[in-house]
PDB file of N, CA and C in Angstrom:
ATOM      1  N   MET A   1      23.190  -0.052  -1.548  1.00  0.00           N
ATOM      2  CA  MET A   1      24.365  -0.298  -1.269  1.00  0.00           C
ATOM      3  C   MET A   1      25.967   0.344  -1.442  1.00  0.00           C
ATOM      4  N   THR A   2      26.639   1.115  -0.681  1.00  0.00           N
ATOM      5  CA  THR A   2      27.625   1.426  -0.928  1.00  0.00           C
ATOM      6  C   THR A   2      28.932   0.260  -1.405  1.00  0.00           C
ATOM      7  N   GLU A   3      30.006   1.424  -1.285  1.00  0.00           N
ATOM      8  CA  GLU A   3      31.227   0.057  -1.867  1.00  0.00           C
ATOM      9  C   GLU A   3      31.326  -0.935  -0.413  1.00  0.00           C
ATOM     10  N   LEU A   4      31.197  -0.540   0.620  1.00  0.00           N
ATOM     11  CA  LEU A   4      31.680  -1.532   1.503  1.00  0.00           C
ATOM     12  C   LEU A   4      30.483  -2.324   2.030  1.00  0.00           C
ATOM     13  N   GLY A   5      29.481  -2.319   1.427  1.00  0.00           N
ATOM     14  CA  GLY A   5      28.260  -3.231   1.611  1.00  0.00           C
ATOM     15  C   GLY A   5      27.565  -2.825   2.595  1.00  0.00           C
ATOM     16  N   ARG A   6      27.852  -1.333   3.169  1.00  0.00           N
ATOM     17  CA  ARG A   6      26.919  -0.525   4.428  1.00  0.00           C
ATOM     18  C   ARG A   6      25.758  -0.181   3.294  1.00  0.00           C
ATOM     19  N   THR A   7      24.383  -0.297   3.837  1.00  0.00           N
ATOM     20  CA  THR A   7      23.591   0.426   3.280  1.00  0.00           C
ATOM     21  C   THR A   7      23.427   1.893   3.947  1.00  0.00           C
ATOM     22  N   ARG A   8      22.893   2.851   3.028  1.00  0.00           N
ATOM     23  CA  ARG A   8      22.892   4.490   2.885  1.00  0.00           C
ATOM     24  C   ARG A   8      21.675   4.490   4.545  1.00  0.00           C
ATOM     25  N   PRO A   9      21.988   5.510   5.216  1.00  0.00           N
ATOM     26  CA  PRO A   9      21.422   5.498   6.027  1.00  0.00           C
ATOM     27  C   PRO A   9      20.128   6.174   5.616  1.00  0.00           C
ATOM     28  N   PRO A  10      18.920   6.185   5.868  1.00  0.00           N
ATOM     29  CA  PRO A  10      17.701   7.153   5.453  1.00  0.00           C
ATOM     30  C   PRO A  10      18.062   8.840   5.402  1.00  0.00           C
ATOM     31  N   VAL A  11      17.170   9.169   4.458  1.00  0.00           N
ATOM     32  CA  VAL A  11      17.429  11.014   4.771  1.00  0.00           C
ATOM     33  C   VAL A  11      16.268  11.261   5.048  1.00  0.00           C
ATOM     34  N   LEU A  12      16.885  12.346   6.703  1.00  0.00           N
ATOM     35  CA  LEU A  12      15.214  12.336   7.176  1.00  0.00           C
ATOM     36  C   LEU A  12      14.899  13.899   6.433  1.00  0.00           C
ATOM     37  N   LEU A  13      13.797  14.722   5.977  1.00  0.00           N
ATOM     38  CA  LEU A  13      13.516  15.755   5.636  1.00  0.00           C
ATOM     39  C   LEU A  13      12.328  16.091   7.014  1.00  0.00           C
ATOM     40  N   THR A  14      12.804  17.714   6.617  1.00  0.00           N
ATOM     41  CA  THR A  14      11.896  18.649   7.538  1.00  0.00           C
ATOM     42  C   THR A  14      10.486  18.596   7.070  1.00  0.00           C
ATOM     43  N   VAL A  15       9.110  19.225   7.683  1.00  0.00           N
ATOM     44  CA  VAL A  15       8.110  19.386   7.369  1.00  0.00           C
ATOM     45  C   VAL A  15       8.254  20.591   5.941  1.00  0.00           C
ATOM     46  N   ASP A  16       9.065  21.566   6.505  1.00  0.00           N
ATOM     47  CA  ASP A  16       9.107  22.557   5.357  1.00  0.00           C
ATOM     48  C   ASP A  16       9.891  22.002   3.829  1.00  0.00           C
ATOM     49  N   GLN A  17      10.656  20.994   3.631  1.00  0.00           N
ATOM     50  CA  GLN A  17      11.793  20.300   2.781  1.00  0.00           C
ATOM     51  C   GLN A  17       9.663  19.505   1.971  1.00  0.00           C
ATOM     52  N   VAL A  18       9.320  19.038   2.678  1.00  0.00           N
ATOM     53  CA  VAL A  18       8.303  18.242   2.210  1.00  0.00           C
ATOM     54  C   VAL A  18       7.264  19.023   1.502  1.00  0.00           C
ATOM     55  N   ALA A  19       7.054  20.151   2.614  1.00  0.00           N
ATOM     56  CA  ALA A  19       6.206  20.335   1.859  1.00  0.00           C
ATOM     57  C   ALA A  19       6.060  21.406   0.503  1.00  0.00           C
ATOM     58  N   SER A  20       7.511  21.742   0.682  1.00  0.00           N
ATOM     59  CA  SER A  20       8.402  22.066  -1.027  1.00  0.00           C
ATOM     60  C   SER A  20       8.134  20.945  -1.820  1.00  0.00           C
ATOM     61  N   HIS A  21       8.549  20.162  -1.906  1.00  0.00           N
ATOM     62  CA  HIS A  21       8.388  19.182  -2.476  1.00  0.00           C
ATOM     63  C   HIS A  21       7.303  18.760  -3.296  1.00  0.00           C
ATOM     64  N   LEU A  22       6.372  18.508  -2.157  1.00  0.00           N
ATOM     65  CA  LEU A  22       4.600  18.359  -2.413  1.00  0.00           C
ATOM     66  C   LEU A  22       4.297  19.644  -2.994  1.00  0.00           C
ATOM     67  N   GLN A  23       4.742  21.079  -2.681  1.00  0.00           N
ATOM     68  CA  GLN A  23       3.902  22.187  -3.424  1.00  0.00           C
ATOM     69  C   GLN A  23       2.566  22.752  -2.809  1.00  0.00           C
ATOM     70  N   VAL A  24       2.898  22.353  -1.122  1.00  0.00           N
ATOM     71  CA  VAL A  24       1.722  22.298  -0.096  1.00  0.00           C
ATOM     72  C   VAL A  24       2.207  23.032   0.999  1.00  0.00           C
ATOM     73  N   SER A  25       1.207  23.844   1.391  1.00  0.00           N
ATOM     74  CA  SER A  25       1.491  24.042   2.853  1.00  0.00           C
ATOM     75  C   SER A  25       2.071  23.526   4.105  1.00  0.00           C
ATOM     76  N   ARG A  26       2.977  24.145   4.921  1.00  0.00           N
ATOM     77  CA  ARG A  26       2.944  23.333   6.310  1.00  0.00           C
ATOM     78  C   ARG A  26       1.687  22.508   6.633  1.00  0.00           C
ATOM     79  N   TRP A  27       0.931  23.073   7.167  1.00  0.00           N
ATOM     80  CA  TRP A  27      -0.291  23.058   7.570  1.00  0.00           C
ATOM     81  C   TRP A  27      -0.751  21.621   7.150  1.00  0.00           C
ATOM     82  N   THR A  28      -0.743  21.460   5.999  1.00  0.00           N
ATOM     83  CA  THR A  28      -0.945  20.569   5.075  1.00  0.00           C
ATOM     84  C   THR A  28      -0.236  19.064   5.509  1.00  0.00           C
ATOM     85  N   VAL A  29       1.034  19.384   5.378  1.00  0.00           N
ATOM     86  CA  VAL A  29       1.727  18.254   5.588  1.00  0.00           C
ATOM     87  C   VAL A  29       1.537  18.197   6.980  1.00  0.00           C
ATOM     88  N   TYR A  30       1.523  18.643   7.666  1.00  0.00           N
ATOM     89  CA  TYR A  30       0.911  18.609   9.500  1.00  0.00           C
ATOM     90  C   TYR A  30      -0.497  17.654   9.260  1.00  0.00           C
ATOM     91  N   ASN A  31      -0.990  17.962   8.766  1.00  0.00           N
ATOM     92  CA  ASN A  31      -2.424  17.267   8.502  1.00  0.00           C
ATOM     93  C   ASN A  31      -2.553  16.101   8.364  1.00  0.00           C
ATOM     94  N   LEU A  32      -1.561  15.820   7.011  1.00  0.00           N
ATOM     95  CA  LEU A  32      -0.996  14.401   6.121  1.00  0.00           C
ATOM     96  C   LEU A  32      -0.544  13.495   7.487  1.00  0.00           C
ATOM     97  N   ILE A  33       0.382  14.584   8.268  1.00  0.00           N
ATOM     98  CA  ILE A  33       1.343  13.667   9.358  1.00  0.00           C
ATOM     99  C   ILE A  33       0.188  12.811  10.493  1.00  0.00           C
ATOM    100  N   ARG A  34      -0.617  13.575  11.089  1.00  0.00           N
ATOM    101  CA  ARG A  34      -1.942  13.612  11.883  1.00  0.00           C
ATOM    102  C   ARG A  34      -2.658  12.613  11.353  1.00  0.00           C
ATOM    103  N   SER A  35      -3.434  12.471  10.084  1.00  0.00           N
ATOM    104  CA  SER A  35      -4.130  11.603   9.915  1.00  0.00           C
ATOM    105  C   SER A  35      -3.416  10.081   9.190  1.00  0.00           C
ATOM    106  N   ARG A  36      -2.196  10.141   9.142  1.00  0.00           N
ATOM    107  CA  ARG A  36      -1.570   8.744   9.111  1.00  0.00           C
ATOM    108  C   ARG A  36      -1.149   8.416   7.786  1.00  0.00           C
ATOM    109  N   GLU A  37      -1.451   9.574   7.044  1.00  0.00           N
ATOM    110  CA  GLU A  37      -1.370   9.341   5.450  1.00  0.00           C
ATOM    111  C   GLU A  37      -0.327   9.524   5.232  1.00  0.00           C
ATOM    112  N   LEU A  38       0.964  10.172   6.226  1.00  0.00           N
ATOM    113  CA  LEU A  38       2.414  10.257   5.520  1.00  0.00           C
ATOM    114  C   LEU A  38       3.165  10.083   7.050  1.00  0.00           C
ATOM    115  N   ALA A  39       4.297   9.259   6.890  1.00  0.00           N
ATOM    116  CA  ALA A  39       4.570   8.883   8.150  1.00  0.00           C
ATOM    117  C   ALA A  39       5.687   9.956   8.559  1.00  0.00           C
ATOM    118  N   SER A  40       5.885   9.484   9.499  1.00  0.00           N
ATOM    119  CA  SER A  40       7.290  10.250  10.339  1.00  0.00           C
ATOM    120  C   SER A  40       7.620  10.121  11.568  1.00  0.00           C
ATOM    121  N   VAL A  41       8.408  10.401  12.035  1.00  0.00           N
ATOM    122  CA  VAL A  41       9.518   9.971  13.335  1.00  0.00           C
ATOM    123  C   VAL A  41       9.730  11.471  13.932  1.00  0.00           C
ATOM    124  N   THR A  42       9.985  11.840  15.362  1.00  0.00           N
ATOM    125  CA  THR A  42      10.417  12.891  16.083  1.00  0.00           C
ATOM    126  C   THR A  42      11.052  12.408  16.853  1.00  0.00           C
ATOM    127  N   ILE A  43      12.230  13.530  16.719  1.00  0.00           N
ATOM    128  CA  ILE A  43      13.466  13.922  17.558  1.00  0.00           C
ATOM    129  C   ILE A  43      13.308  14.802  18.169  1.00  0.00           C
ATOM    130  N   GLY A  44      13.612  14.767  19.829  1.00  0.00           N
ATOM    131  CA  GLY A  44      13.022  15.669  20.373  1.00  0.00           C
ATOM    132  C   GLY A  44      12.024  16.084  20.347  1.00  0.00           C
ATOM    133  N   ARG A  45      12.206  17.387  19.963  1.00  0.00           N
ATOM    134  CA  ARG A  45      10.446  18.369  19.534  1.00  0.00           C
ATOM    135  C   ARG A  45      10.898  18.297  18.255  1.00  0.00           C
ATOM    136  N   CYS A  46      11.797  18.046  17.311  1.00  0.00           N
ATOM    137  CA  CYS A  46      11.279  18.100  15.528  1.00  0.00           C
ATOM    138  C   CYS A  46      10.855  16.698  14.756  1.00  0.00           C
ATOM    139  N   ARG A  47       9.648  16.750  13.864  1.00  0.00           N
ATOM    140  CA  ARG A  47       9.477  16.420  13.082  1.00  0.00           C
ATOM    141  C   ARG A  47       9.931  15.759  11.839  1.00  0.00           C
ATOM    142  N   ARG A  48       9.928  14.584  11.789  1.00  0.00           N
ATOM    143  CA  ARG A  48      10.950  14.508  10.280  1.00  0.00           C
ATOM    144  C   ARG A  48      10.054  13.637   9.620  1.00  0.00           C
ATOM    145  N   ILE A  49      10.265  13.157   8.558  1.00  0.00           N
ATOM    146  CA  ILE A  49       9.992  12.430   7.057  1.00  0.00           C
ATOM    147  C   ILE A  49      11.217  11.957   6.817  1.00  0.00           C
ATOM    148  N   THR A  50      11.258  10.513   6.860  1.00  0.00           N
ATOM    149  CA  THR A  50      12.157   9.999   5.744  1.00  0.00           C
ATOM    150  C   THR A  50      11.504   9.982   4.476  1.00  0.00           C
ATOM    151  N   GLU A  51      12.770   9.932   3.385  1.00  0.00           N
ATOM    152  CA  GLU A  51      12.639  10.088   1.684  1.00  0.00           C
ATOM    153  C   GLU A  51      11.657   9.246   1.218  1.00  0.00           C
ATOM    154  N   SER A  52      11.717   7.716   1.922  1.00  0.00           N
ATOM    155  CA  SER A  52      11.088   6.368   1.676  1.00  0.00           C
ATOM    156  C   SER A  52       9.485   6.940   2.099  1.00  0.00           C
ATOM    157  N   ALA A  53       9.185   7.394   2.980  1.00  0.00           N
ATOM    158  CA  ALA A  53       7.667   7.683   3.464  1.00  0.00           C
ATOM    159  C   ALA A  53       6.885   8.420   3.036  1.00  0.00           C
ATOM    160  N   LEU A  54       8.229   9.447   2.226  1.00  0.00           N
ATOM    161  CA  LEU A  54       7.537  10.746   1.501  1.00  0.00           C
ATOM    162  C   LEU A  54       7.484  10.011  -0.346  1.00  0.00           C
ATOM    163  N   HIS A  55       8.155   8.873  -0.731  1.00  0.00           N
ATOM    164  CA  HIS A  55       7.886   8.766  -1.622  1.00  0.00           C
ATOM    165  C   HIS A  55       6.594   7.708  -1.911  1.00  0.00           C
ATOM    166  N   ASP A  56       6.556   7.001  -0.925  1.00  0.00           N
ATOM    167  CA  ASP A  56       5.646   5.646  -0.721  1.00  0.00           C
ATOM    168  C   ASP A  56       4.322   6.748  -0.432  1.00  0.00           C
ATOM    169  N   TYR A  57       4.116   7.803  -0.069  1.00  0.00           N
ATOM    170  CA  TYR A  57       2.784   8.651   0.100  1.00  0.00           C
ATOM    171  C   TYR A  57       2.683   9.278  -1.082  1.00  0.00           C
ATOM    172  N   ILE A  58       3.582   9.395  -2.091  1.00  0.00           N
ATOM    173  CA  ILE A  58       3.225   9.984  -3.668  1.00  0.00           C
ATOM    174  C   ILE A  58       3.355   8.925  -4.450  1.00  0.00           C
ATOM    175  N   THR A  59       3.479   7.778  -4.532  1.00  0.00           N
ATOM    176  CA  THR A  59       3.457   6.269  -5.217  1.00  0.00           C
ATOM    177  C   THR A  59       1.723   6.120  -4.493  1.00  0.00           C
ATOM    178  N   ARG A  60       1.456   6.069  -3.347  1.00  0.00           N
ATOM    179  CA  ARG A  60      -0.195   5.600  -3.089  1.00  0.00           C
ATOM    180  C   ARG A  60      -1.045   6.696  -3.696  1.00  0.00           C
ATOM    181  N   LEU A  61      -0.380   8.037  -3.818  1.00  0.00           N
ATOM    182  CA  LEU A  61      -1.357   9.027  -5.069  1.00  0.00           C
ATOM    183  C   LEU A  61      -1.636   8.540  -6.413  1.00  0.00           C
ATOM    184  N   SER A  62      -0.213   8.327  -6.577  1.00  0.00           N
ATOM    185  CA  SER A  62      -0.228   8.002  -8.011  1.00  0.00           C
ATOM    186  C   SER A  62      -1.552   6.823  -8.373  1.00  0.00           C
ATOM    187  N   ASP A  63      -1.012   5.698  -7.580  1.00  0.00           N
ATOM    188  CA  ASP A  63      -1.798   4.882  -7.541  1.00  0.00           C
ATOM    189  C   ASP A  63      -3.404   4.917  -7.263  1.00  0.00           C
ATOM    190  N   LEU A  64      -3.922   5.642  -6.890  1.00  0.00           N
ATOM    191  CA  LEU A  64      -5.261   6.168  -6.614  1.00  0.00           C
ATOM    192  C   LEU A  64      -5.972   7.004  -7.821  1.00  0.00           C
ATOM    193  N   GLU A  65      -4.661   7.626  -8.763  1.00  0.00           N
ATOM    194  CA  GLU A  65      -5.297   8.604  -9.687  1.00  0.00           C
ATOM    195  C   GLU A  65      -5.631   7.747 -10.733  1.00  0.00           C
ATOM    196  N   SER A  66      -4.478   6.368 -10.825  1.00  0.00           N
ATOM    197  CA  SER A  66      -4.890   5.588 -12.067  1.00  0.00           C
ATOM    198  C   SER A  66      -5.351   4.574 -11.850  1.00  0.00           C
ATOM    199  N   SER A  67      -6.466   4.476 -11.244  1.00  0.00           N
ATOM    200  CA  SER A  67      -7.237   3.433 -10.856  1.00  0.00           C
ATOM    201  C   SER A  67      -8.825   3.762 -10.790  1.00  0.00           C
TER     202      SER A  67
END
């Protein structure tokens, strides 16, 4: 929460930014979106991924690796 009691709006990342974070190709990110492993939103013709969706995906990967 911020000082005035407002929550911070979600940060939207581009496919290229997510690919850079994950160190994979754009194609891989689009495949993750198509398979619904990575949640995304469409704004006009633009595809965006929230920071929380990226974090959730990474957490699920980590959980799978540790089990």
